[in-house]
N, C-alpha and C. Protein backbone atom coordinates (compact mmCIF):
# COMPACT_ATOMS: atom_id res chain seq x y z
N MET A 1 72.45 45.03 9.44
CA MET A 1 72.44 44.61 7.86
C MET A 1 71.71 45.57 7.05
N PRO A 2 72.27 46.11 5.99
CA PRO A 2 71.46 47.15 5.17
C PRO A 2 70.20 46.39 4.42
N LEU A 3 69.25 47.16 4.16
CA LEU A 3 67.81 46.79 3.66
C LEU A 3 68.12 46.86 2.04
N VAL A 4 68.07 45.76 1.41
CA VAL A 4 68.12 45.45 -0.05
C VAL A 4 66.78 45.61 -0.94
N VAL A 5 66.67 46.47 -1.72
CA VAL A 5 65.36 46.56 -2.37
C VAL A 5 65.77 46.12 -3.87
N ARG A 6 65.11 45.06 -4.43
CA ARG A 6 65.41 44.58 -5.86
C ARG A 6 64.31 45.67 -6.79
N GLU A 7 65.03 45.36 -7.81
CA GLU A 7 64.27 46.26 -8.94
C GLU A 7 63.39 45.18 -9.84
N CYS A 8 62.08 45.55 -10.36
CA CYS A 8 61.46 44.70 -11.08
C CYS A 8 61.85 44.84 -12.45
N ARG A 9 62.12 43.96 -13.17
CA ARG A 9 62.79 43.88 -14.54
C ARG A 9 61.74 44.16 -15.44
N LYS A 10 60.38 43.82 -15.18
CA LYS A 10 59.64 44.08 -16.40
C LYS A 10 58.61 45.05 -15.95
N PRO A 11 58.10 46.01 -16.99
CA PRO A 11 57.09 46.75 -16.60
C PRO A 11 55.93 46.37 -16.18
N VAL A 12 54.90 47.13 -15.35
CA VAL A 12 53.90 46.37 -14.87
C VAL A 12 52.98 46.10 -16.11
N GLY A 13 52.81 46.70 -17.07
CA GLY A 13 52.17 46.36 -18.26
C GLY A 13 52.35 45.04 -18.83
N ALA A 14 53.52 44.69 -18.76
CA ALA A 14 54.10 43.44 -19.51
C ALA A 14 53.58 42.11 -18.67
N VAL A 15 53.53 42.57 -17.27
CA VAL A 15 52.90 41.26 -16.53
C VAL A 15 51.38 41.36 -16.65
N ALA A 16 50.60 42.35 -16.60
CA ALA A 16 49.36 42.48 -16.94
C ALA A 16 49.00 41.68 -18.04
N ARG A 17 49.72 41.78 -19.31
CA ARG A 17 49.29 41.16 -20.52
C ARG A 17 49.59 39.64 -20.42
N GLN A 18 50.65 39.33 -19.87
CA GLN A 18 51.18 37.93 -19.74
C GLN A 18 50.14 37.22 -18.66
N LEU A 19 49.63 37.85 -17.80
CA LEU A 19 48.23 36.94 -16.87
C LEU A 19 46.94 36.80 -17.80
N GLY A 20 46.83 38.00 -18.70
CA GLY A 20 45.59 38.03 -19.38
C GLY A 20 45.93 37.11 -20.68
N SER A 21 46.95 36.47 -20.83
CA SER A 21 47.07 35.57 -22.06
C SER A 21 46.43 34.10 -21.95
N SER A 22 45.85 33.57 -23.01
CA SER A 22 45.19 32.65 -23.18
C SER A 22 45.59 31.44 -22.14
N ARG A 23 46.88 31.39 -22.07
CA ARG A 23 47.60 30.33 -21.12
C ARG A 23 46.96 30.57 -19.64
N TYR A 24 46.98 31.72 -19.11
CA TYR A 24 46.58 31.75 -17.83
C TYR A 24 44.82 32.19 -17.32
N ARG A 25 44.21 32.00 -18.69
CA ARG A 25 42.53 32.70 -18.43
C ARG A 25 41.95 31.50 -18.37
N SER A 26 40.91 31.40 -17.57
CA SER A 26 40.22 30.19 -17.28
C SER A 26 38.79 30.38 -18.26
N ASN A 27 38.13 29.22 -18.60
CA ASN A 27 36.65 29.71 -19.29
C ASN A 27 35.93 30.24 -18.40
N ALA A 28 35.12 31.18 -18.86
CA ALA A 28 33.96 32.26 -18.15
C ALA A 28 32.74 31.85 -18.47
N GLY A 29 32.60 30.60 -19.09
CA GLY A 29 31.17 29.85 -18.79
C GLY A 29 31.05 28.65 -18.96
N ILE A 30 29.80 28.18 -19.45
CA ILE A 30 29.58 26.60 -19.30
C ILE A 30 29.38 26.57 -20.87
N SER A 31 29.36 25.34 -21.35
CA SER A 31 29.08 25.20 -22.77
C SER A 31 27.65 24.28 -23.07
N MET A 32 27.13 24.31 -23.98
CA MET A 32 25.70 23.44 -24.25
C MET A 32 25.99 22.13 -23.99
N ILE A 33 27.07 21.57 -24.04
CA ILE A 33 27.32 19.98 -23.88
C ILE A 33 27.30 19.62 -22.26
N GLU A 34 27.96 20.56 -21.69
CA GLU A 34 27.76 20.37 -20.41
C GLU A 34 26.47 20.64 -19.71
N VAL A 35 25.58 21.41 -20.14
CA VAL A 35 24.00 21.93 -19.74
C VAL A 35 23.56 20.48 -20.00
N LEU A 36 23.52 19.90 -21.39
CA LEU A 36 23.04 18.72 -21.58
C LEU A 36 23.29 17.49 -20.95
N VAL A 37 24.40 17.27 -20.84
CA VAL A 37 25.15 16.13 -19.85
C VAL A 37 24.36 16.05 -18.40
N THR A 38 24.32 17.55 -17.69
CA THR A 38 23.89 17.72 -16.59
C THR A 38 22.43 17.45 -16.42
N LEU A 39 21.56 17.82 -17.65
CA LEU A 39 20.23 17.64 -17.72
C LEU A 39 19.85 16.41 -17.91
N VAL A 40 20.81 15.39 -18.52
CA VAL A 40 20.35 14.00 -18.76
C VAL A 40 20.89 13.37 -17.29
N ILE A 41 21.41 13.65 -16.44
CA ILE A 41 22.08 13.01 -15.23
C ILE A 41 20.92 13.35 -14.31
N VAL A 42 20.33 14.48 -14.31
CA VAL A 42 19.10 15.04 -13.52
C VAL A 42 18.11 14.15 -13.52
N SER A 43 17.58 14.09 -14.79
CA SER A 43 16.57 13.59 -15.46
C SER A 43 16.41 11.98 -15.05
N VAL A 44 17.69 11.34 -15.17
CA VAL A 44 17.53 9.90 -14.78
C VAL A 44 17.31 9.86 -13.34
N GLY A 45 17.79 10.65 -12.46
CA GLY A 45 17.89 10.51 -10.99
C GLY A 45 16.34 11.06 -10.63
N LEU A 46 15.66 11.85 -11.48
CA LEU A 46 14.12 12.17 -10.91
C LEU A 46 13.40 10.85 -11.58
N LEU A 47 13.85 10.14 -12.46
CA LEU A 47 13.20 9.11 -13.00
C LEU A 47 13.00 7.87 -11.67
N GLY A 48 14.19 7.71 -11.39
CA GLY A 48 14.53 6.72 -10.16
C GLY A 48 13.77 7.20 -9.25
N ALA A 49 13.72 8.55 -8.55
CA ALA A 49 12.90 8.78 -7.36
C ALA A 49 11.38 8.62 -7.61
N ALA A 50 11.12 8.79 -8.85
CA ALA A 50 9.42 8.61 -9.21
C ALA A 50 9.11 7.25 -9.02
N ALA A 51 10.03 6.40 -9.58
CA ALA A 51 9.64 5.01 -9.48
C ALA A 51 9.72 4.53 -8.13
N MET A 52 10.64 5.14 -7.17
CA MET A 52 10.63 4.56 -5.81
C MET A 52 9.42 5.06 -5.16
N VAL A 53 9.14 6.67 -5.48
CA VAL A 53 7.46 6.70 -5.07
C VAL A 53 6.26 5.99 -5.51
N ILE A 54 6.34 5.49 -6.39
CA ILE A 54 5.21 4.86 -7.10
C ILE A 54 5.41 3.43 -6.05
N ASN A 55 6.66 2.74 -6.19
CA ASN A 55 6.83 1.54 -5.49
C ASN A 55 6.08 1.43 -4.22
N GLY A 56 6.61 2.68 -3.50
CA GLY A 56 6.36 2.79 -2.08
C GLY A 56 4.72 2.93 -1.87
N LEU A 57 4.03 3.67 -2.84
CA LEU A 57 2.41 3.76 -2.94
C LEU A 57 2.09 2.62 -2.96
N GLU A 58 2.24 1.79 -3.87
CA GLU A 58 1.95 0.42 -4.10
C GLU A 58 1.96 -0.29 -2.88
N SER A 59 3.10 -0.70 -2.36
CA SER A 59 3.25 -1.30 -0.89
C SER A 59 2.35 -0.64 0.01
N ASN A 60 2.44 0.46 0.18
CA ASN A 60 1.52 1.02 0.85
C ASN A 60 -0.10 0.82 0.86
N ARG A 61 -0.49 0.58 -0.34
CA ARG A 61 -1.88 0.26 -0.71
C ARG A 61 -2.03 -1.16 -0.22
N ASN A 62 -1.14 -2.31 -0.54
CA ASN A 62 -1.08 -3.64 -0.27
C ASN A 62 -1.26 -3.79 1.19
N ALA A 63 -0.61 -2.86 2.06
CA ALA A 63 -0.46 -3.29 3.47
C ALA A 63 -1.85 -2.84 4.08
N TYR A 64 -2.53 -1.56 3.43
CA TYR A 64 -3.85 -1.29 3.70
C TYR A 64 -4.80 -2.46 3.56
N LEU A 65 -4.89 -2.91 2.41
CA LEU A 65 -5.47 -4.13 1.94
C LEU A 65 -5.51 -5.24 2.95
N ARG A 66 -4.44 -5.62 3.20
CA ARG A 66 -4.07 -6.72 4.35
C ARG A 66 -4.59 -6.26 5.53
N THR A 67 -4.46 -4.93 6.14
CA THR A 67 -4.88 -4.33 7.37
C THR A 67 -6.54 -4.56 7.28
N GLN A 68 -7.10 -4.36 6.31
CA GLN A 68 -8.57 -4.41 6.20
C GLN A 68 -9.00 -5.81 6.07
N ALA A 69 -8.09 -6.77 5.85
CA ALA A 69 -8.75 -8.10 5.47
C ALA A 69 -8.58 -8.80 7.09
N SER A 70 -7.53 -8.29 8.18
CA SER A 70 -7.48 -8.62 9.09
C SER A 70 -8.47 -8.10 9.90
N ILE A 71 -8.95 -6.77 9.94
CA ILE A 71 -9.81 -6.28 10.87
C ILE A 71 -11.33 -7.04 10.48
N LEU A 72 -11.61 -7.09 9.19
CA LEU A 72 -12.77 -8.17 9.12
C LEU A 72 -12.57 -9.22 9.59
N ALA A 73 -11.40 -10.21 9.44
CA ALA A 73 -11.42 -11.49 10.13
C ALA A 73 -11.66 -11.33 11.41
N TYR A 74 -10.90 -10.46 12.34
CA TYR A 74 -10.94 -10.44 13.91
C TYR A 74 -12.14 -9.85 14.12
N ASP A 75 -12.79 -9.13 13.48
CA ASP A 75 -14.66 -8.61 13.78
C ASP A 75 -15.37 -9.87 13.63
N MET A 76 -15.20 -10.70 12.80
CA MET A 76 -15.98 -12.00 12.76
C MET A 76 -15.77 -12.98 13.79
N ALA A 77 -14.43 -12.87 13.96
CA ALA A 77 -13.99 -13.77 14.96
C ALA A 77 -14.72 -13.47 16.49
N ASP A 78 -14.72 -12.07 16.56
CA ASP A 78 -15.33 -11.44 18.23
C ASP A 78 -16.71 -11.67 18.03
N ARG A 79 -17.39 -11.93 16.99
CA ARG A 79 -18.83 -11.74 16.88
C ARG A 79 -18.99 -13.37 16.98
N ILE A 80 -18.30 -14.25 16.65
CA ILE A 80 -18.46 -15.47 16.94
C ILE A 80 -18.17 -16.10 18.35
N ARG A 81 -17.24 -15.57 18.96
CA ARG A 81 -17.02 -15.83 20.31
C ARG A 81 -18.18 -15.12 21.39
N ALA A 82 -18.71 -14.12 21.03
CA ALA A 82 -19.56 -13.40 21.70
C ALA A 82 -21.03 -14.40 21.60
N ASN A 83 -21.10 -15.06 20.60
CA ASN A 83 -22.40 -15.77 20.22
C ASN A 83 -21.78 -17.37 20.22
N GLY A 84 -21.02 -17.80 21.15
CA GLY A 84 -20.20 -19.26 20.60
C GLY A 84 -21.14 -20.30 20.77
N ALA A 85 -22.49 -20.00 21.42
CA ALA A 85 -23.36 -21.27 21.70
C ALA A 85 -23.82 -21.38 20.26
N GLN A 86 -23.75 -20.68 19.06
CA GLN A 86 -24.51 -20.98 17.89
C GLN A 86 -23.50 -21.02 16.82
N LEU A 87 -22.10 -21.68 17.39
CA LEU A 87 -21.09 -21.90 16.35
C LEU A 87 -21.77 -22.47 15.00
N ALA A 88 -22.55 -23.70 15.41
CA ALA A 88 -23.22 -24.13 14.04
C ALA A 88 -23.97 -23.11 12.98
N SER A 89 -24.56 -22.14 13.59
CA SER A 89 -24.92 -21.21 12.29
C SER A 89 -23.97 -20.29 11.64
N TYR A 90 -22.62 -20.13 12.21
CA TYR A 90 -21.73 -19.35 11.69
C TYR A 90 -21.04 -20.37 10.43
N THR A 91 -20.77 -21.62 10.82
CA THR A 91 -19.87 -22.38 10.14
C THR A 91 -20.38 -22.57 8.68
N GLY A 92 -19.57 -23.01 7.66
CA GLY A 92 -20.14 -23.19 6.54
C GLY A 92 -20.62 -21.97 5.60
N PHE A 93 -20.61 -20.68 6.27
CA PHE A 93 -21.03 -19.38 5.71
C PHE A 93 -19.78 -19.06 4.88
N ALA A 94 -19.97 -18.64 3.33
CA ALA A 94 -19.34 -18.23 2.41
C ALA A 94 -19.86 -17.21 1.69
N PHE A 95 -19.19 -16.15 1.30
CA PHE A 95 -19.63 -14.82 0.71
C PHE A 95 -18.38 -14.39 -0.37
N ASP A 96 -19.28 -14.01 -1.80
CA ASP A 96 -18.36 -13.54 -2.74
C ASP A 96 -18.85 -12.31 -3.16
N SER A 97 -18.43 -11.25 -2.83
CA SER A 97 -18.93 -9.83 -3.02
C SER A 97 -19.09 -9.85 -4.63
N THR A 98 -18.24 -10.55 -5.67
CA THR A 98 -18.23 -10.43 -7.16
C THR A 98 -19.42 -11.19 -7.54
N ASP A 99 -20.03 -12.03 -6.93
CA ASP A 99 -21.32 -12.68 -7.34
C ASP A 99 -22.52 -12.50 -6.93
N GLU A 100 -22.56 -12.09 -5.79
CA GLU A 100 -23.92 -12.14 -4.73
C GLU A 100 -23.99 -10.88 -3.81
N ASP A 101 -25.06 -10.37 -3.58
CA ASP A 101 -25.48 -9.39 -2.84
C ASP A 101 -25.54 -9.84 -1.25
N ALA A 102 -24.97 -9.14 -0.54
CA ALA A 102 -25.32 -9.43 0.90
C ALA A 102 -26.65 -9.85 1.36
N PRO A 103 -26.65 -10.61 2.15
CA PRO A 103 -27.99 -11.23 2.55
C PRO A 103 -28.66 -10.07 3.48
N ASP A 104 -29.95 -9.99 3.64
CA ASP A 104 -30.47 -8.97 4.22
C ASP A 104 -30.55 -9.23 5.64
N LEU A 105 -30.74 -8.11 6.40
CA LEU A 105 -30.46 -8.40 8.17
C LEU A 105 -31.90 -9.11 8.46
N PRO A 106 -31.84 -10.07 9.59
CA PRO A 106 -33.25 -10.46 9.76
C PRO A 106 -33.93 -9.42 10.53
N GLY A 107 -35.22 -9.81 10.38
CA GLY A 107 -36.51 -8.82 10.95
C GLY A 107 -36.05 -8.73 12.42
N CYS A 108 -35.71 -9.84 13.31
CA CYS A 108 -35.56 -9.53 14.70
C CYS A 108 -34.59 -8.47 14.97
N PHE A 109 -33.61 -8.09 14.29
CA PHE A 109 -32.43 -7.30 14.38
C PHE A 109 -33.13 -5.91 14.55
N THR A 110 -34.17 -5.40 13.93
CA THR A 110 -34.81 -3.96 14.14
C THR A 110 -36.05 -4.06 15.23
N SER A 111 -36.47 -5.24 15.45
CA SER A 111 -37.59 -5.37 16.30
C SER A 111 -37.12 -4.87 17.80
N ASP A 112 -38.06 -4.53 18.53
CA ASP A 112 -37.94 -4.21 20.15
C ASP A 112 -37.61 -5.54 21.11
N ALA A 113 -38.24 -6.60 20.53
CA ALA A 113 -37.88 -8.09 21.08
C ALA A 113 -36.51 -8.52 20.94
N GLY A 114 -35.72 -8.07 20.12
CA GLY A 114 -34.15 -8.51 19.87
C GLY A 114 -34.35 -9.72 19.19
N CYS A 115 -33.23 -10.31 18.81
CA CYS A 115 -32.82 -11.58 18.20
C CYS A 115 -32.36 -12.78 19.26
N ASP A 116 -32.65 -14.08 19.00
CA ASP A 116 -32.47 -15.01 19.83
C ASP A 116 -30.84 -15.53 19.09
N GLY A 117 -30.20 -16.47 19.70
CA GLY A 117 -28.95 -16.66 19.28
C GLY A 117 -28.61 -16.79 17.87
N ALA A 118 -29.78 -17.60 17.21
CA ALA A 118 -29.62 -17.99 15.95
C ALA A 118 -29.92 -16.86 14.79
N GLY A 119 -30.95 -15.86 15.36
CA GLY A 119 -31.15 -14.55 14.81
C GLY A 119 -29.97 -13.72 14.69
N LEU A 120 -29.27 -13.71 15.91
CA LEU A 120 -28.07 -12.71 15.98
C LEU A 120 -26.99 -13.32 15.23
N ALA A 121 -26.88 -14.63 15.13
CA ALA A 121 -25.82 -15.09 14.07
C ALA A 121 -26.17 -14.83 12.87
N ASN A 122 -27.56 -14.88 12.25
CA ASN A 122 -27.88 -14.22 10.99
C ASN A 122 -27.32 -12.76 10.70
N ALA A 123 -27.92 -11.75 11.93
CA ALA A 123 -27.55 -10.81 11.72
C ALA A 123 -26.19 -10.58 11.60
N ASP A 124 -25.36 -11.08 12.41
CA ASP A 124 -23.85 -11.29 12.19
C ASP A 124 -23.21 -11.13 10.93
N LEU A 125 -23.68 -12.48 10.13
CA LEU A 125 -23.29 -13.00 8.83
C LEU A 125 -23.45 -11.66 7.95
N ALA A 126 -24.81 -11.26 7.92
CA ALA A 126 -25.22 -10.12 6.94
C ALA A 126 -24.53 -8.88 7.18
N GLN A 127 -24.12 -8.70 8.27
CA GLN A 127 -23.56 -7.42 8.47
C GLN A 127 -22.18 -7.80 7.85
N TRP A 128 -21.54 -8.75 8.13
CA TRP A 128 -19.97 -8.96 7.73
C TRP A 128 -20.06 -9.20 6.22
N ALA A 129 -21.15 -9.77 5.52
CA ALA A 129 -21.11 -9.81 4.25
C ALA A 129 -21.35 -8.39 3.72
N GLY A 130 -22.02 -7.47 4.37
CA GLY A 130 -22.08 -6.23 3.92
C GLY A 130 -20.82 -5.49 3.87
N ALA A 131 -19.94 -5.66 4.98
CA ALA A 131 -18.69 -5.13 4.94
C ALA A 131 -17.73 -5.69 4.05
N LEU A 132 -17.73 -6.86 3.52
CA LEU A 132 -17.15 -7.19 2.68
C LEU A 132 -17.56 -6.64 1.15
N GLU A 133 -18.93 -6.59 1.23
CA GLU A 133 -19.25 -5.73 -0.18
C GLU A 133 -19.21 -4.39 -0.37
N GLY A 134 -19.09 -3.78 0.90
CA GLY A 134 -19.45 -2.30 1.09
C GLY A 134 -20.70 -1.93 0.67
N ALA A 135 -21.82 -2.76 1.40
CA ALA A 135 -23.00 -2.31 1.19
C ALA A 135 -23.72 -0.98 1.62
N ASP A 136 -24.84 -0.88 1.36
CA ASP A 136 -25.38 0.44 1.90
C ASP A 136 -24.68 1.75 1.93
N GLY A 137 -24.00 2.10 0.82
CA GLY A 137 -23.10 3.02 0.60
C GLY A 137 -21.92 3.32 1.33
N GLY A 138 -21.53 1.89 2.11
CA GLY A 138 -20.01 1.80 2.71
C GLY A 138 -19.19 1.92 1.81
N VAL A 139 -17.89 2.02 2.28
CA VAL A 139 -16.81 1.78 1.34
C VAL A 139 -16.26 0.34 1.30
N VAL A 140 -16.00 0.22 -0.04
CA VAL A 140 -15.74 -1.10 -0.30
C VAL A 140 -14.10 -1.38 0.29
N LEU A 141 -13.83 -2.22 1.33
CA LEU A 141 -12.53 -2.20 1.75
C LEU A 141 -11.65 -2.82 1.20
N LEU A 142 -12.34 -3.69 0.42
CA LEU A 142 -11.18 -5.06 -0.29
C LEU A 142 -11.83 -5.03 -1.75
N PRO A 143 -10.90 -5.23 -2.47
CA PRO A 143 -11.59 -5.29 -4.06
C PRO A 143 -11.63 -6.87 -4.10
N ALA A 144 -13.01 -7.11 -4.86
CA ALA A 144 -13.20 -8.78 -5.05
C ALA A 144 -13.35 -9.45 -3.80
N ALA A 145 -13.84 -8.92 -2.49
CA ALA A 145 -13.76 -9.51 -1.19
C ALA A 145 -14.38 -10.88 -1.36
N GLN A 146 -14.00 -11.88 -0.67
CA GLN A 146 -14.70 -13.07 -0.28
C GLN A 146 -14.45 -13.49 1.09
N GLY A 147 -15.48 -13.87 1.66
CA GLY A 147 -15.28 -14.48 3.11
C GLY A 147 -15.66 -15.83 3.40
N ALA A 148 -15.23 -16.57 4.29
CA ALA A 148 -15.64 -18.12 4.51
C ALA A 148 -15.24 -18.31 5.83
N ILE A 149 -16.23 -19.09 6.38
CA ILE A 149 -15.97 -19.39 7.83
C ILE A 149 -16.43 -21.08 7.82
N ALA A 150 -15.22 -21.67 8.46
CA ALA A 150 -15.34 -23.26 8.60
C ALA A 150 -14.84 -23.36 9.90
N ASP A 151 -15.57 -24.49 10.29
CA ASP A 151 -15.40 -25.29 11.41
C ASP A 151 -14.03 -26.51 11.45
N ALA A 152 -13.05 -26.17 12.25
CA ALA A 152 -11.63 -26.99 11.95
C ALA A 152 -11.80 -28.14 12.99
N GLY A 153 -12.83 -28.24 13.56
CA GLY A 153 -12.82 -29.24 14.43
C GLY A 153 -12.39 -28.94 15.69
N GLY A 154 -12.77 -29.60 16.63
CA GLY A 154 -12.15 -29.54 18.21
C GLY A 154 -12.24 -28.15 18.95
N GLY A 155 -13.31 -27.40 18.33
CA GLY A 155 -13.49 -26.04 18.56
C GLY A 155 -12.68 -24.89 18.17
N ASP A 156 -11.91 -25.35 17.21
CA ASP A 156 -11.18 -24.42 16.25
C ASP A 156 -12.00 -23.73 15.07
N VAL A 157 -11.81 -22.68 14.77
CA VAL A 157 -12.62 -21.98 13.86
C VAL A 157 -11.73 -21.47 12.68
N THR A 158 -11.91 -21.69 11.41
CA THR A 158 -11.03 -20.96 10.55
C THR A 158 -11.86 -20.03 9.61
N ILE A 159 -11.46 -18.50 9.84
CA ILE A 159 -12.14 -17.39 9.03
C ILE A 159 -10.94 -17.11 7.79
N THR A 160 -11.53 -17.06 6.73
CA THR A 160 -10.60 -16.73 5.51
C THR A 160 -11.12 -15.76 4.90
N VAL A 161 -10.36 -14.51 4.54
CA VAL A 161 -10.75 -13.33 3.89
C VAL A 161 -9.86 -13.17 2.59
N SER A 162 -10.37 -13.23 1.46
CA SER A 162 -9.72 -13.27 0.11
C SER A 162 -9.80 -11.86 -0.72
N TRP A 163 -8.96 -11.46 -1.44
CA TRP A 163 -9.17 -10.18 -2.03
C TRP A 163 -8.21 -10.20 -3.14
N ILE A 164 -8.16 -9.27 -4.32
CA ILE A 164 -7.42 -9.20 -5.44
C ILE A 164 -6.52 -7.82 -5.02
N GLU A 165 -5.02 -8.27 -5.29
CA GLU A 165 -4.06 -7.20 -4.97
C GLU A 165 -3.17 -7.02 -6.25
N SER A 166 -3.03 -5.90 -6.76
CA SER A 166 -1.80 -5.77 -7.79
C SER A 166 -0.29 -5.82 -7.03
N GLN A 167 0.34 -6.47 -7.89
CA GLN A 167 1.60 -6.78 -7.45
C GLN A 167 2.38 -6.84 -8.70
N TRP A 168 3.63 -6.45 -8.55
CA TRP A 168 4.66 -6.77 -9.89
C TRP A 168 5.02 -8.21 -10.01
N ASP A 169 5.03 -8.29 -11.29
CA ASP A 169 5.13 -9.74 -11.80
C ASP A 169 6.21 -9.48 -12.74
N GLU A 170 7.53 -10.26 -12.31
CA GLU A 170 8.73 -10.34 -13.00
C GLU A 170 8.70 -10.75 -14.25
N ASP A 171 7.56 -11.96 -14.48
CA ASP A 171 7.80 -12.40 -15.75
C ASP A 171 7.01 -11.77 -16.87
N GLU A 172 6.12 -11.03 -16.47
CA GLU A 172 5.11 -10.04 -17.37
C GLU A 172 5.69 -8.75 -17.40
N ASP A 173 6.55 -8.42 -16.70
CA ASP A 173 7.08 -7.22 -16.58
C ASP A 173 6.06 -6.10 -16.48
N ALA A 174 5.21 -6.44 -15.59
CA ALA A 174 4.06 -5.54 -15.33
C ALA A 174 3.32 -6.00 -14.18
N PHE A 175 2.40 -4.94 -13.71
CA PHE A 175 1.28 -5.11 -12.34
C PHE A 175 0.58 -5.81 -12.92
N THR A 176 0.38 -6.96 -12.09
CA THR A 176 -0.80 -8.04 -12.71
C THR A 176 -1.79 -8.27 -10.92
N ASP A 177 -2.88 -8.29 -11.16
CA ASP A 177 -3.93 -8.82 -10.29
C ASP A 177 -3.79 -10.25 -9.49
N GLN A 178 -3.30 -10.41 -8.18
CA GLN A 178 -3.08 -11.56 -7.82
C GLN A 178 -3.79 -11.90 -6.58
N ALA A 179 -4.45 -13.10 -6.41
CA ALA A 179 -5.11 -13.20 -5.23
C ALA A 179 -4.43 -13.25 -3.95
N GLN A 180 -4.89 -12.94 -2.85
CA GLN A 180 -4.47 -12.78 -1.74
C GLN A 180 -5.33 -13.35 -0.56
N ASN A 181 -4.88 -14.18 0.41
CA ASN A 181 -5.52 -14.64 1.62
C ASN A 181 -5.21 -14.14 2.78
N PHE A 182 -6.39 -13.67 3.77
CA PHE A 182 -5.90 -13.83 5.29
C PHE A 182 -6.69 -14.77 6.01
N VAL A 183 -6.03 -15.74 6.60
CA VAL A 183 -6.60 -16.96 7.43
C VAL A 183 -6.30 -16.46 8.75
N LEU A 184 -7.45 -16.62 9.66
CA LEU A 184 -7.46 -16.53 10.98
C LEU A 184 -7.90 -17.93 11.46
N ARG A 185 -7.09 -18.45 12.40
CA ARG A 185 -7.52 -19.79 12.96
C ARG A 185 -7.65 -19.36 14.70
N PHE A 186 -8.79 -19.58 15.08
CA PHE A 186 -8.90 -19.48 16.77
C PHE A 186 -9.96 -20.65 17.44
N ASN A 187 -9.51 -20.72 18.30
CA ASN A 187 -10.22 -21.75 19.26
C ASN A 187 -11.40 -21.05 20.28
N LEU A 188 -12.44 -21.58 20.24
CA LEU A 188 -13.72 -21.05 21.08
C LEU A 188 -13.09 -21.29 22.52
């Protein structure tokens, strides 16, 4: 079979002019409106990401405060267990770091002779109140901390640690301070 070659009926210049016409040409750049729309979309996304970061930080802080309250309550529970014969010296104790200073350590605490059971209970309570208050240059672990120890009867002891925590209030549409409690109940 013979090879057939067809001729091009249009000259090359005519094809080039047709491809260069507005019908075949694409836009070479972006318009100002496209840039502004993109900027608005990116801004909204960044604001949403910033809000998530702020909420995450606040949740992390609240978890930290709850952990500190737990540590303080279990610390006192361990002190009471170690000096269980003096339970009556511990119960009824209440401390509010916003209204009062932590009690002083008893003199027996620094003496060579040491403390008896009741003196040790007083030293434990003074150290615990100091931790609630952040005394002696210590770090305030809980804002507006309060602590209370109560005899629940039958050998049960209840330790309550309270503090103020910032939380989002849907009704006020803002962060508000709300009282929080950590209650530990244990049996000697």
